[in-house]
Amino acid sequence: MSIAWRDAMSRALYGPGGFFVAGAGPADHFRTSVHASPAFTSALLRLISEVDSTLGHPPRFDVVDVGAGRGELLRALLGLVRTATAVEGTVG
C-alpha cells in the first residue's frame, strides 16, 4: 500500500494520536541539553562566569532564557549559583 507524502504527514500531525491532537504540552515534545545532562548547565555556568569576569563584574548581569521549555535551564543555573555561593561562603 502506498500513500502520498502529503497524506502521511497529515495523518501524523492531525490524525488519531497525531502530534497536534495528542494533548502534549509545548514542553512535552521539546528536549534540550539541560534535560539530557546536568553537565550542560555546569558548562553554561562556567561560560557565564567567564563573561561576567571579562565584563569586570558589572553590578547587574542579566541571563535570559528564551527557550521553549518550562524554565528548567534558569532553575538549574540558579540552583548551581546558590550552591556555589553557599560553598564559597563557608570556605576559609
Protein backbone atom coordinates (compact mmCIF):
# COMPACT_ATOMS: atom_id res chain seq x y z
CA MET A 1 0.00 0.00 0.00
CA SER A 2 1.43 3.35 -0.94
CA ILE A 3 0.40 6.70 0.45
CA ALA A 4 1.20 10.19 -0.74
CA TRP A 5 3.63 12.12 1.42
CA ARG A 6 1.04 14.86 1.98
CA ASP A 7 -1.47 12.32 3.32
CA ALA A 8 1.10 10.60 5.53
CA MET A 9 2.17 13.92 7.04
CA SER A 10 -1.44 14.95 7.56
CA ARG A 11 -2.14 11.71 9.43
CA ALA A 12 0.99 12.06 11.53
CA LEU A 13 0.11 15.60 12.53
CA TYR A 14 -3.69 15.64 12.70
CA GLY A 15 -4.84 12.02 12.69
CA PRO A 16 -5.78 9.97 15.77
CA GLY A 17 -2.86 10.23 18.17
CA GLY A 18 -1.20 12.73 15.85
CA PHE A 19 1.27 15.32 17.07
CA PHE A 20 -1.19 18.21 17.27
CA VAL A 21 -4.09 16.23 18.76
CA ALA A 22 -2.21 14.04 21.25
CA GLY A 23 -2.58 16.64 24.01
CA ALA A 24 1.12 17.07 24.74
CA GLY A 25 2.05 20.45 26.15
CA PRO A 26 4.63 22.58 24.36
CA ALA A 27 7.49 21.32 26.51
CA ASP A 28 6.45 17.65 26.44
CA HIS A 29 7.92 17.12 22.98
CA PHE A 30 10.83 19.51 23.28
CA ARG A 31 14.15 18.39 24.72
CA THR A 32 17.27 20.47 25.15
CA SER A 33 20.69 19.77 26.56
CA VAL A 34 19.57 20.86 30.03
CA HIS A 35 17.28 17.83 30.06
CA ALA A 36 19.97 15.47 28.78
CA SER A 37 22.68 16.12 31.36
CA PRO A 38 23.46 18.39 34.31
CA ALA A 39 26.91 18.82 32.74
CA PHE A 40 25.35 21.23 30.22
CA THR A 41 24.18 23.55 32.99
CA SER A 42 27.58 23.40 34.71
CA ALA A 43 29.37 24.25 31.47
CA LEU A 44 26.98 27.11 30.80
CA LEU A 45 27.51 28.49 34.30
CA ARG A 46 31.29 28.43 33.75
CA LEU A 47 30.81 30.36 30.50
CA ILE A 48 28.52 32.89 32.19
CA SER A 49 31.10 33.33 34.97
CA GLU A 50 33.84 33.97 32.41
CA VAL A 51 31.73 36.58 30.63
CA ASP A 52 30.90 38.23 33.96
CA SER A 53 34.60 38.35 34.84
CA THR A 54 35.57 39.70 31.41
CA LEU A 55 32.99 42.47 31.84
CA GLY A 56 34.54 43.40 35.19
CA HIS A 57 31.66 42.03 37.30
CA PRO A 58 29.09 44.70 36.48
CA PRO A 59 26.54 45.46 39.22
CA ARG A 60 23.83 43.95 37.04
CA PHE A 61 24.33 40.90 34.84
CA ASP A 62 21.17 39.54 33.24
CA VAL A 63 20.81 35.99 31.93
CA VAL A 64 17.73 35.42 29.79
CA ASP A 65 16.42 32.01 28.76
CA VAL A 66 14.42 32.32 25.55
CA GLY A 67 13.86 28.59 25.17
CA ALA A 68 10.59 26.81 24.67
CA GLY A 69 10.72 24.81 27.87
CA ARG A 70 9.36 25.48 31.33
CA GLY A 71 12.31 27.39 32.75
CA GLU A 72 14.35 24.33 33.71
CA LEU A 73 17.58 25.90 32.48
CA LEU A 74 17.27 29.03 34.62
CA ARG A 75 16.18 26.98 37.65
CA ALA A 76 19.17 24.69 37.22
CA LEU A 77 21.54 27.65 36.82
CA LEU A 78 20.08 29.36 39.88
CA GLY A 79 20.48 26.15 41.87
CA LEU A 80 24.14 25.90 40.90
CA VAL A 81 24.75 29.57 41.71
CA ARG A 82 23.18 29.15 45.14
CA THR A 83 25.24 26.01 45.79
CA ALA A 84 28.45 27.70 44.63
CA THR A 85 27.70 30.76 46.77
CA ALA A 86 26.98 28.60 49.81
CA VAL A 87 30.21 26.65 49.36
CA GLU A 88 32.21 29.80 48.66
CA GLY A 89 30.77 31.43 51.76
CA THR A 90 31.82 28.54 54.02
CA VAL A 91 35.38 28.13 52.73
CA GLY A 92 38.17 29.75 54.73
